């Protein structure tokens, strides 16, 4: 049995990772919001203003709220 994976935003990376780790169990992958990168990428490399940047939380922000 093979899965067809659909990922959006933060779900795109696990979908890509699953497909790479289990090609025999993957029928296909469609992802929205984050492009595929064959090398590990950082959100810092994304263009300024990309909407996914709005959901980032810096560790210093978390500490300030404790």
N, C-alpha and C. Protein backbone atom coordinates (compact mmCIF):
# COMPACT_ATOMS: atom_id res chain seq x y z
N UNK A 1 0.84 -1.17 0.00
CA UNK A 1 0.00 0.00 0.00
C UNK A 1 0.89 1.24 0.00
N UNK A 2 0.50 2.23 -0.79
CA UNK A 2 1.26 3.47 -0.88
C UNK A 2 0.36 4.65 -0.52
N UNK A 3 0.98 5.67 0.07
CA UNK A 3 0.26 6.87 0.47
C UNK A 3 0.54 8.00 -0.50
N UNK A 4 -0.46 8.83 -0.73
CA UNK A 4 -0.29 10.07 -1.46
C UNK A 4 -0.36 11.17 -0.41
N UNK A 5 0.75 11.86 -0.20
CA UNK A 5 0.87 12.82 0.89
C UNK A 5 0.54 14.23 0.43
N UNK A 6 -0.18 14.96 1.28
CA UNK A 6 -0.48 16.37 1.05
C UNK A 6 -0.05 17.12 2.29
N UNK A 7 0.83 18.10 2.13
CA UNK A 7 1.30 18.89 3.26
C UNK A 7 1.15 20.37 2.97
N UNK A 8 0.86 21.14 4.02
CA UNK A 8 0.73 22.59 3.86
C UNK A 8 1.50 23.27 4.99
N UNK A 9 2.24 24.29 4.64
CA UNK A 9 3.01 25.06 5.60
C UNK A 9 3.93 24.14 6.39
N UNK A 10 3.77 24.07 7.70
CA UNK A 10 4.67 23.27 8.52
C UNK A 10 4.49 21.77 8.29
N UNK A 11 3.40 21.34 7.69
CA UNK A 11 3.21 19.94 7.36
C UNK A 11 3.95 19.51 6.11
N UNK A 12 4.47 20.47 5.36
CA UNK A 12 5.19 20.15 4.13
C UNK A 12 6.50 19.43 4.43
N UNK A 13 7.22 19.88 5.43
CA UNK A 13 8.51 19.27 5.72
C UNK A 13 8.38 17.80 6.15
N UNK A 14 7.46 17.44 7.05
CA UNK A 14 7.31 16.01 7.37
C UNK A 14 6.86 15.19 6.15
N UNK A 15 6.04 15.77 5.29
CA UNK A 15 5.63 15.04 4.09
C UNK A 15 6.82 14.77 3.18
N UNK A 16 7.65 15.79 2.96
CA UNK A 16 8.86 15.59 2.16
C UNK A 16 9.76 14.55 2.81
N UNK A 17 9.95 14.66 4.11
CA UNK A 17 10.85 13.75 4.83
C UNK A 17 10.35 12.31 4.73
N UNK A 18 9.05 12.10 4.92
CA UNK A 18 8.49 10.76 4.82
C UNK A 18 8.73 10.19 3.43
N UNK A 19 8.47 11.00 2.40
CA UNK A 19 8.65 10.53 1.03
C UNK A 19 10.10 10.16 0.75
N UNK A 20 11.03 10.94 1.28
CA UNK A 20 12.45 10.65 1.07
C UNK A 20 12.89 9.40 1.83
N UNK A 21 12.36 9.22 3.03
CA UNK A 21 12.75 8.08 3.86
C UNK A 21 12.04 6.78 3.45
N UNK A 22 10.86 6.89 2.84
CA UNK A 22 10.06 5.71 2.50
C UNK A 22 9.52 5.80 1.07
N UNK A 23 10.39 5.82 0.08
CA UNK A 23 9.90 5.94 -1.31
C UNK A 23 9.03 4.77 -1.73
N UNK A 24 9.25 3.62 -1.16
CA UNK A 24 8.45 2.45 -1.50
C UNK A 24 7.03 2.54 -0.95
N UNK A 25 6.81 3.39 0.04
CA UNK A 25 5.48 3.55 0.65
C UNK A 25 4.79 4.84 0.21
N UNK A 26 5.41 5.57 -0.73
CA UNK A 26 4.89 6.87 -1.15
C UNK A 26 4.49 6.83 -2.62
N UNK A 27 3.25 7.19 -2.87
CA UNK A 27 2.74 7.26 -4.25
C UNK A 27 3.04 8.64 -4.86
N UNK A 28 2.94 9.68 -4.04
CA UNK A 28 3.21 11.03 -4.52
C UNK A 28 3.14 12.02 -3.38
N UNK A 29 3.59 13.24 -3.64
CA UNK A 29 3.61 14.30 -2.64
C UNK A 29 3.18 15.61 -3.29
N UNK A 30 2.27 16.31 -2.63
CA UNK A 30 1.90 17.67 -3.02
C UNK A 30 2.03 18.53 -1.77
N UNK A 31 2.79 19.60 -1.87
CA UNK A 31 2.98 20.49 -0.72
C UNK A 31 2.74 21.93 -1.13
N UNK A 32 2.17 22.67 -0.22
CA UNK A 32 1.87 24.08 -0.44
C UNK A 32 2.54 24.90 0.66
N UNK A 33 3.09 26.01 0.31
CA UNK A 33 3.61 26.93 1.31
C UNK A 33 5.11 26.89 1.52
N UNK A 34 5.73 25.74 1.29
CA UNK A 34 7.18 25.63 1.47
C UNK A 34 7.73 24.83 0.30
N UNK A 35 8.69 25.39 -0.43
CA UNK A 35 9.26 24.66 -1.57
C UNK A 35 10.17 23.53 -1.12
N UNK A 36 10.29 22.52 -1.95
CA UNK A 36 11.21 21.42 -1.66
C UNK A 36 12.64 21.92 -1.78
N UNK A 37 13.48 21.45 -0.87
CA UNK A 37 14.91 21.76 -0.94
C UNK A 37 15.67 20.47 -0.67
N UNK A 38 16.56 20.07 -1.57
CA UNK A 38 17.31 18.83 -1.36
C UNK A 38 18.33 18.92 -0.22
N UNK A 39 18.61 20.11 0.24
CA UNK A 39 19.52 20.29 1.37
C UNK A 39 18.74 20.92 2.51
N UNK A 40 19.15 20.68 3.75
CA UNK A 40 18.43 21.31 4.87
C UNK A 40 18.39 22.82 4.68
N UNK A 41 17.23 23.38 4.90
CA UNK A 41 17.11 24.82 4.73
C UNK A 41 16.62 25.46 6.01
N UNK A 42 16.87 26.71 6.10
CA UNK A 42 16.45 27.49 7.25
C UNK A 42 15.38 28.47 6.81
N UNK A 43 14.45 28.76 7.68
CA UNK A 43 13.45 29.77 7.35
C UNK A 43 14.11 31.13 7.15
N UNK A 44 15.32 31.30 7.69
CA UNK A 44 16.04 32.55 7.48
C UNK A 44 16.38 32.75 6.01
N UNK A 45 16.44 31.66 5.24
CA UNK A 45 16.76 31.75 3.83
C UNK A 45 15.55 32.14 2.98
N UNK A 46 14.36 32.11 3.59
CA UNK A 46 13.15 32.46 2.86
C UNK A 46 13.09 33.97 2.61
N UNK A 47 12.43 34.37 1.55
CA UNK A 47 12.34 35.80 1.26
C UNK A 47 11.64 36.56 2.39
N UNK A 48 12.08 37.79 2.61
CA UNK A 48 11.45 38.63 3.63
C UNK A 48 9.99 38.86 3.24
N UNK A 49 9.11 38.73 4.20
CA UNK A 49 7.69 38.94 3.94
C UNK A 49 6.94 37.67 3.61
N UNK A 50 7.62 36.54 3.44
CA UNK A 50 6.93 35.28 3.19
C UNK A 50 6.01 35.01 4.37
N UNK A 51 4.75 34.70 4.10
CA UNK A 51 3.77 34.67 5.18
C UNK A 51 4.08 33.66 6.27
N UNK A 52 4.79 32.59 5.96
CA UNK A 52 5.10 31.60 6.99
C UNK A 52 6.03 32.19 8.06
N UNK A 53 6.74 33.25 7.71
CA UNK A 53 7.61 33.91 8.69
C UNK A 53 6.79 34.47 9.85
N UNK A 54 5.51 34.77 9.63
CA UNK A 54 4.66 35.32 10.69
C UNK A 54 4.48 34.34 11.84
N UNK A 55 4.61 33.06 11.59
CA UNK A 55 4.34 32.04 12.61
C UNK A 55 5.58 31.66 13.39
N UNK A 56 6.70 32.23 13.05
CA UNK A 56 7.95 31.91 13.76
C UNK A 56 7.92 32.52 15.15
N UNK A 57 8.48 31.80 16.08
CA UNK A 57 8.61 32.30 17.45
C UNK A 57 10.07 32.19 17.82
N UNK A 58 10.65 33.31 18.18
CA UNK A 58 12.04 33.28 18.63
C UNK A 58 12.09 32.79 20.06
N UNK A 59 13.13 32.07 20.41
CA UNK A 59 13.25 31.54 21.78
C UNK A 59 13.24 32.68 22.79
N UNK A 60 13.78 33.83 22.43
CA UNK A 60 13.79 34.95 23.37
C UNK A 60 12.38 35.46 23.62
N UNK A 61 11.49 35.38 22.61
CA UNK A 61 10.11 35.77 22.81
C UNK A 61 9.43 34.86 23.81
N UNK A 62 9.71 33.55 23.73
CA UNK A 62 9.11 32.59 24.66
C UNK A 62 9.58 32.87 26.09
N UNK A 63 10.84 33.16 26.25
CA UNK A 63 11.39 33.40 27.59
C UNK A 63 10.77 34.67 28.17
N UNK A 64 10.55 35.68 27.36
CA UNK A 64 9.96 36.93 27.84
C UNK A 64 8.55 36.72 28.38
N UNK A 65 7.83 35.72 27.87
CA UNK A 65 6.45 35.49 28.30
C UNK A 65 6.35 34.58 29.52
N UNK A 66 7.45 34.02 29.98
CA UNK A 66 7.40 33.12 31.15
C UNK A 66 7.34 33.88 32.43
